[in-house]
Each structure stands twice: as C-alpha cells, then as structure tokens.
C-alpha cells in the first residue's frame, strides 16, 4: 500500500474530513485534490531520498518531528503552525516555491479545483504525508531501523505501484529535462 492509499483509508477519514471543512470542499473534491497532490509529493521525496544524505535527513526529520499529530488530531490541520510546518517540508521536498506553485497549477487543471485553494492545501497535505510516513516507519516509536526503513519508504513512495521507485525517479528526471 502506498502513501495515497494509506491517507485515503478509513483510518484517516477524520483528517480528510477536516481537510474538506478547512478548505470548504466536498469530500469528493478533497479526495480528488489529494489524489492530484500526493504523487508530486511522493516523487519529490523519492528524488530526495535517492541521493546523498536525503534518506538520513528524512529519517532524522521523522524521528525528531511530532508529525503523527497531524493525523491523530485532525483539528490541528487548520492551525497556522501546520501550514508553516508544511511549507518547511515543501522547501525540503521541492527546493523552491515555484515548484509548489506548478504542482498546484497542474493539480488544478486535473481536479477542477481552484489553483489558489490547492496552493494553500499543499502544505497541509505535506504534513499529512510526513505523518503517515512517520507512523509507518517509526511504528509509534522514535527509533529507526535504517535498513528496514529504506525498503518501507521505497514501497510507500512507489507512485506507480510497480514495486520499484527507480522508474519513478527516471520519470522525474525526464520531466525536469523537458522543462
């Protein structure tokens, strides 16, 4: 099961409902928005964790952050601190604000939801992704088994669900070269 499936599972219904409420969207619109935003986030995380200290940085962030709160207490999703945390996450994942704007614009074209709404929603969804990663990787604790975590993270970030993230990374590289 990948991150998108996990976030849209019944276990996280409260968080998705809160997202709908916070952005004045129907549950269907919220699901559509999440389905459009998550692949870009997972591709960014895949790219970051595949080189240099990226995986270690992600594991350290999961250990020191209290990301699980975003799914365990969905009411925090509407707080300004959540958006700030999400923007910090996006800075690490995408590197700059223009990429976030482009992600929101593409998601808007596909979902029919206004780009401005998706720009505001993207940092909140980023916190939810980190929360879900933290729950799966840490299993409720703060200790990381790096070797086991590597495989788990790879499976969670596999955006096309083919069991490998390398083709996803190549796709990211190809898109970047075509820009």
C-alpha atoms as a PDB file:
ATOM      1  CA  UNK A   1       0.000   0.000   0.000  1.00  0.00           C
ATOM      2  CA  UNK A   2       1.404   3.426  -0.898  1.00  0.00           C
ATOM      3  CA  UNK A   3       1.019   6.793   0.831  1.00  0.00           C
ATOM      4  CA  UNK A   4      -2.025   7.830  -1.210  1.00  0.00           C
ATOM      5  CA  UNK A   5      -3.872   4.613  -0.363  1.00  0.00           C
ATOM      6  CA  UNK A   6      -2.979   4.985   3.306  1.00  0.00           C
ATOM      7  CA  UNK A   7      -4.067   8.619   3.532  1.00  0.00           C
ATOM      8  CA  UNK A   8      -7.401   7.871   1.863  1.00  0.00           C
ATOM      9  CA  UNK A   9      -8.025   4.804   4.013  1.00  0.00           C
ATOM     10  CA  UNK A  10     -10.852   4.754   6.577  1.00  0.00           C
ATOM     11  CA  UNK A  11      -8.221   5.138   9.322  1.00  0.00           C
ATOM     12  CA  UNK A  12      -7.612   8.726   8.173  1.00  0.00           C
ATOM     13  CA  UNK A  13     -11.214   9.713   7.451  1.00  0.00           C
ATOM     14  CA  UNK A  14     -11.132  12.304  10.246  1.00  0.00           C
ATOM     15  CA  UNK A  15      -8.146  14.073   8.709  1.00  0.00           C
ATOM     16  CA  UNK A  16      -9.672  14.040   5.224  1.00  0.00           C
ATOM     17  CA  UNK A  17     -12.980  15.330   6.622  1.00  0.00           C
ATOM     18  CA  UNK A  18     -11.109  18.122   8.425  1.00  0.00           C
ATOM     19  CA  UNK A  19      -9.300  18.999   5.202  1.00  0.00           C
ATOM     20  CA  UNK A  20     -12.692  19.245   3.445  1.00  0.00           C
ATOM     21  CA  UNK A  21     -14.006  21.506   6.187  1.00  0.00           C
ATOM     22  CA  UNK A  22     -10.908  23.727   6.270  1.00  0.00           C
ATOM     23  CA  UNK A  23     -10.993  24.344   2.522  1.00  0.00           C
ATOM     24  CA  UNK A  24     -14.786  24.331   2.083  1.00  0.00           C
ATOM     25  CA  UNK A  25     -14.685  21.375  -0.306  1.00  0.00           C
ATOM     26  CA  UNK A  26     -16.917  18.354  -0.699  1.00  0.00           C
ATOM     27  CA  UNK A  27     -15.411  15.002   0.301  1.00  0.00           C
ATOM     28  CA  UNK A  28     -15.177  14.113  -3.394  1.00  0.00           C
ATOM     29  CA  UNK A  29     -13.309  17.325  -4.185  1.00  0.00           C
ATOM     30  CA  UNK A  30     -10.948  16.744  -1.282  1.00  0.00           C
ATOM     31  CA  UNK A  31     -10.227  13.185  -2.425  1.00  0.00           C
ATOM     32  CA  UNK A  32      -9.609  14.481  -5.941  1.00  0.00           C
ATOM     33  CA  UNK A  33      -7.255  17.178  -4.648  1.00  0.00           C
ATOM     34  CA  UNK A  34      -5.318  14.715  -2.500  1.00  0.00           C
ATOM     35  CA  UNK A  35      -5.085  12.265  -5.415  1.00  0.00           C
ATOM     36  CA  UNK A  36      -3.572  15.006  -7.568  1.00  0.00           C
ATOM     37  CA  UNK A  37      -1.173  16.438  -4.961  1.00  0.00           C
ATOM     38  CA  UNK A  38       0.244  13.264  -3.398  1.00  0.00           C
ATOM     39  CA  UNK A  39       2.065  11.913  -6.489  1.00  0.00           C
ATOM     40  CA  UNK A  40       4.110  15.102  -6.814  1.00  0.00           C
ATOM     41  CA  UNK A  41       4.987  14.985  -3.122  1.00  0.00           C
ATOM     42  CA  UNK A  42       5.989  11.329  -3.260  1.00  0.00           C
ATOM     43  CA  UNK A  43       8.089  11.904  -6.386  1.00  0.00           C
ATOM     44  CA  UNK A  44       9.851  14.773  -4.622  1.00  0.00           C
ATOM     45  CA  UNK A  45      10.508  12.587  -1.587  1.00  0.00           C
ATOM     46  CA  UNK A  46      11.713   9.756  -3.838  1.00  0.00           C
ATOM     47  CA  UNK A  47      14.123  12.108  -5.530  1.00  0.00           C
ATOM     48  CA  UNK A  48      15.438  13.459  -2.219  1.00  0.00           C
ATOM     49  CA  UNK A  49      15.899  10.055  -0.608  1.00  0.00           C
ATOM     50  CA  UNK A  50      17.680   8.533  -3.579  1.00  0.00           C
ATOM     51  CA  UNK A  51      20.809  10.681  -3.362  1.00  0.00           C
ATOM     52  CA  UNK A  52      23.297  11.921  -0.818  1.00  0.00           C
ATOM     53  CA  UNK A  53      22.110  12.213   2.739  1.00  0.00           C
ATOM     54  CA  UNK A  54      18.442  12.516   1.692  1.00  0.00           C
ATOM     55  CA  UNK A  55      17.257   9.302   3.311  1.00  0.00           C
ATOM     56  CA  UNK A  56      19.132  10.030   6.528  1.00  0.00           C
ATOM     57  CA  UNK A  57      17.675  13.551   6.577  1.00  0.00           C
ATOM     58  CA  UNK A  58      14.151  12.182   6.116  1.00  0.00           C
ATOM     59  CA  UNK A  59      14.600   9.585   8.852  1.00  0.00           C
ATOM     60  CA  UNK A  60      16.002  12.247  11.205  1.00  0.00           C
ATOM     61  CA  UNK A  61      13.052  14.539  10.450  1.00  0.00           C
ATOM     62  CA  UNK A  62      10.625  11.708  11.154  1.00  0.00           C
ATOM     63  CA  UNK A  63      12.377  10.937  14.453  1.00  0.00           C
ATOM     64  CA  UNK A  64      12.525  14.468  15.791  1.00  0.00           C
ATOM     65  CA  UNK A  65       9.200  15.746  14.460  1.00  0.00           C
ATOM     66  CA  UNK A  66       5.862  15.023  16.032  1.00  0.00           C
ATOM     67  CA  UNK A  67       4.227  14.525  12.647  1.00  0.00           C
ATOM     68  CA  UNK A  68       1.744  11.881  13.803  1.00  0.00           C
ATOM     69  CA  UNK A  69      -0.281  14.660  15.429  1.00  0.00           C
ATOM     70  CA  UNK A  70      -1.494  15.777  12.018  1.00  0.00           C
ATOM     71  CA  UNK A  71      -3.426  12.543  11.548  1.00  0.00           C
ATOM     72  CA  UNK A  72      -4.122  11.676  15.190  1.00  0.00           C
ATOM     73  CA  UNK A  73      -5.606  15.114  15.980  1.00  0.00           C
ATOM     74  CA  UNK A  74      -7.058  16.387  12.696  1.00  0.00           C
ATOM     75  CA  UNK A  75      -8.221  19.670  14.251  1.00  0.00           C
ATOM     76  CA  UNK A  76      -4.576  20.850  14.150  1.00  0.00           C
ATOM     77  CA  UNK A  77      -4.717  20.790  10.340  1.00  0.00           C
ATOM     78  CA  UNK A  78      -6.378  24.211  10.399  1.00  0.00           C
ATOM     79  CA  UNK A  79      -3.721  25.859  12.543  1.00  0.00           C
ATOM     80  CA  UNK A  80      -1.185  28.293  11.132  1.00  0.00           C
ATOM     81  CA  UNK A  81       1.661  26.257  12.645  1.00  0.00           C
ATOM     82  CA  UNK A  82       0.607  23.317  10.485  1.00  0.00           C
ATOM     83  CA  UNK A  83       0.840  25.415   7.324  1.00  0.00           C
ATOM     84  CA  UNK A  84       4.236  26.709   8.451  1.00  0.00           C
ATOM     85  CA  UNK A  85       5.469  23.156   9.098  1.00  0.00           C
ATOM     86  CA  UNK A  86       4.077  22.098   5.724  1.00  0.00           C
ATOM     87  CA  UNK A  87       5.843  24.925   3.936  1.00  0.00           C
ATOM     88  CA  UNK A  88       9.107  23.867   5.602  1.00  0.00           C
ATOM     89  CA  UNK A  89       8.511  20.314   4.373  1.00  0.00           C
ATOM     90  CA  UNK A  90       7.787  21.589   0.860  1.00  0.00           C
ATOM     91  CA  UNK A  91      11.005  23.602   0.934  1.00  0.00           C
ATOM     92  CA  UNK A  92      12.946  20.393   1.576  1.00  0.00           C
ATOM     93  CA  UNK A  93      10.948  18.315  -0.890  1.00  0.00           C
ATOM     94  CA  UNK A  94      10.737  20.727  -3.825  1.00  0.00           C
ATOM     95  CA  UNK A  95      13.537  23.178  -3.148  1.00  0.00           C
ATOM     96  CA  UNK A  96      11.614  26.317  -4.071  1.00  0.00           C
ATOM     97  CA  UNK A  97       8.151  27.855  -4.062  1.00  0.00           C
ATOM     98  CA  UNK A  98       7.814  27.842  -7.838  1.00  0.00           C
ATOM     99  CA  UNK A  99       7.706  24.046  -7.898  1.00  0.00           C
ATOM    100  CA  UNK A 100       4.898  24.126  -5.322  1.00  0.00           C
ATOM    101  CA  UNK A 101       3.011  26.639  -7.469  1.00  0.00           C
ATOM    102  CA  UNK A 102       3.487  24.438 -10.535  1.00  0.00           C
ATOM    103  CA  UNK A 103       2.235  21.381  -8.636  1.00  0.00           C
ATOM    104  CA  UNK A 104      -0.878  23.285  -7.524  1.00  0.00           C
ATOM    105  CA  UNK A 105      -1.482  24.565 -11.048  1.00  0.00           C
ATOM    106  CA  UNK A 106      -1.246  21.083 -12.609  1.00  0.00           C
ATOM    107  CA  UNK A 107      -3.457  19.631  -9.872  1.00  0.00           C
ATOM    108  CA  UNK A 108      -5.986  22.390 -10.532  1.00  0.00           C
ATOM    109  CA  UNK A 109      -6.141  21.532 -14.225  1.00  0.00           C
ATOM    110  CA  UNK A 110      -6.796  17.871 -13.438  1.00  0.00           C
ATOM    111  CA  UNK A 111      -9.168  18.288 -10.492  1.00  0.00           C
ATOM    112  CA  UNK A 112     -11.090  21.410 -11.442  1.00  0.00           C
ATOM    113  CA  UNK A 113     -10.353  22.922  -8.018  1.00  0.00           C
ATOM    114  CA  UNK A 114      -9.009  26.471  -7.993  1.00  0.00           C
ATOM    115  CA  UNK A 115      -5.234  26.695  -8.005  1.00  0.00           C
ATOM    116  CA  UNK A 116      -5.311  29.146  -5.094  1.00  0.00           C
ATOM    117  CA  UNK A 117      -7.107  26.600  -2.922  1.00  0.00           C
ATOM    118  CA  UNK A 118      -4.619  23.897  -3.856  1.00  0.00           C
ATOM    119  CA  UNK A 119      -1.646  26.189  -3.127  1.00  0.00           C
ATOM    120  CA  UNK A 120      -2.986  26.607   0.401  1.00  0.00           C
ATOM    121  CA  UNK A 121      -3.837  22.919   0.717  1.00  0.00           C
ATOM    122  CA  UNK A 122      -0.458  21.609  -0.469  1.00  0.00           C
ATOM    123  CA  UNK A 123       1.475  22.375   2.749  1.00  0.00           C
ATOM    124  CA  UNK A 124      -1.264  20.747   4.826  1.00  0.00           C
ATOM    125  CA  UNK A 125      -1.196  17.640   2.645  1.00  0.00           C
ATOM    126  CA  UNK A 126       2.615  17.604   3.003  1.00  0.00           C
ATOM    127  CA  UNK A 127       2.246  17.414   6.789  1.00  0.00           C
ATOM    128  CA  UNK A 128      -0.192  14.543   6.364  1.00  0.00           C
ATOM    129  CA  UNK A 129       2.299  12.686   4.153  1.00  0.00           C
ATOM    130  CA  UNK A 130       5.029  13.107   6.780  1.00  0.00           C
ATOM    131  CA  UNK A 131       2.601  11.953   9.464  1.00  0.00           C
ATOM    132  CA  UNK A 132       1.781   8.801   7.537  1.00  0.00           C
ATOM    133  CA  UNK A 133       5.443   8.117   6.776  1.00  0.00           C
ATOM    134  CA  UNK A 134       6.280   8.595  10.439  1.00  0.00           C
ATOM    135  CA  UNK A 135       3.564   6.199  11.542  1.00  0.00           C
ATOM    136  CA  UNK A 136       4.746   3.503   9.171  1.00  0.00           C
ATOM    137  CA  UNK A 137       8.492   3.973   9.560  1.00  0.00           C
ATOM    138  CA  UNK A 138       8.594   4.552  13.304  1.00  0.00           C
ATOM    139  CA  UNK A 139       5.654   2.324  14.179  1.00  0.00           C
ATOM    140  CA  UNK A 140       4.628   4.546  17.059  1.00  0.00           C
ATOM    141  CA  UNK A 141       8.145   4.949  18.494  1.00  0.00           C
ATOM    142  CA  UNK A 142      11.111   7.172  17.804  1.00  0.00           C
ATOM    143  CA  UNK A 143      13.645   4.516  16.827  1.00  0.00           C
ATOM    144  CA  UNK A 144      14.501   3.887  13.212  1.00  0.00           C
ATOM    145  CA  UNK A 145      15.967   0.735  11.740  1.00  0.00           C
ATOM    146  CA  UNK A 146      17.654   2.335   8.715  1.00  0.00           C
ATOM    147  CA  UNK A 147      17.825  -0.834   6.605  1.00  0.00           C
ATOM    148  CA  UNK A 148      14.204  -1.800   7.219  1.00  0.00           C
ATOM    149  CA  UNK A 149      13.087   1.803   6.783  1.00  0.00           C
ATOM    150  CA  UNK A 150      14.726   2.101   3.374  1.00  0.00           C
ATOM    151  CA  UNK A 151      12.587  -0.683   1.927  1.00  0.00           C
ATOM    152  CA  UNK A 152       9.438   0.550   3.634  1.00  0.00           C
ATOM    153  CA  UNK A 153       9.933   4.113   2.436  1.00  0.00           C
ATOM    154  CA  UNK A 154      10.599   2.906  -1.097  1.00  0.00           C
ATOM    155  CA  UNK A 155       7.353   0.912  -1.125  1.00  0.00           C
ATOM    156  CA  UNK A 156       5.354   3.816   0.312  1.00  0.00           C
ATOM    157  CA  UNK A 157       6.743   6.242  -2.260  1.00  0.00           C
ATOM    158  CA  UNK A 158       6.258   3.954  -5.271  1.00  0.00           C
ATOM    159  CA  UNK A 159       3.892   6.261  -7.147  1.00  0.00           C
ATOM    160  CA  UNK A 160       3.021   3.875  -9.973  1.00  0.00           C
ATOM    161  CA  UNK A 161       2.797   0.840  -7.678  1.00  0.00           C
ATOM    162  CA  UNK A 162       5.084  -1.348  -9.767  1.00  0.00           C
ATOM    163  CA  UNK A 163       7.327  -2.306  -6.861  1.00  0.00           C
ATOM    164  CA  UNK A 164      10.253  -0.110  -7.898  1.00  0.00           C
ATOM    165  CA  UNK A 165      10.956   3.575  -7.412  1.00  0.00           C
ATOM    166  CA  UNK A 166      13.741   3.830  -9.996  1.00  0.00           C
ATOM    167  CA  UNK A 167      11.370   4.193 -12.928  1.00  0.00           C
ATOM    168  CA  UNK A 168       9.569   6.909 -10.966  1.00  0.00           C
ATOM    169  CA  UNK A 169      12.899   8.692 -10.450  1.00  0.00           C
ATOM    170  CA  UNK A 170      13.749   8.412 -14.156  1.00  0.00           C
ATOM    171  CA  UNK A 171      10.362   9.881 -14.973  1.00  0.00           C
ATOM    172  CA  UNK A 172      11.087  12.831 -12.673  1.00  0.00           C
ATOM    173  CA  UNK A 173      14.446  13.353 -14.392  1.00  0.00           C
ATOM    174  CA  UNK A 174      12.888  13.216 -17.843  1.00  0.00           C
ATOM    175  CA  UNK A 175      10.215  15.750 -16.912  1.00  0.00           C
ATOM    176  CA  UNK A 176      12.854  18.060 -15.427  1.00  0.00           C
ATOM    177  CA  UNK A 177      14.908  17.916 -18.634  1.00  0.00           C
ATOM    178  CA  UNK A 178      11.855  18.709 -20.760  1.00  0.00           C
ATOM    179  CA  UNK A 179      11.089  21.914 -18.827  1.00  0.00           C
END
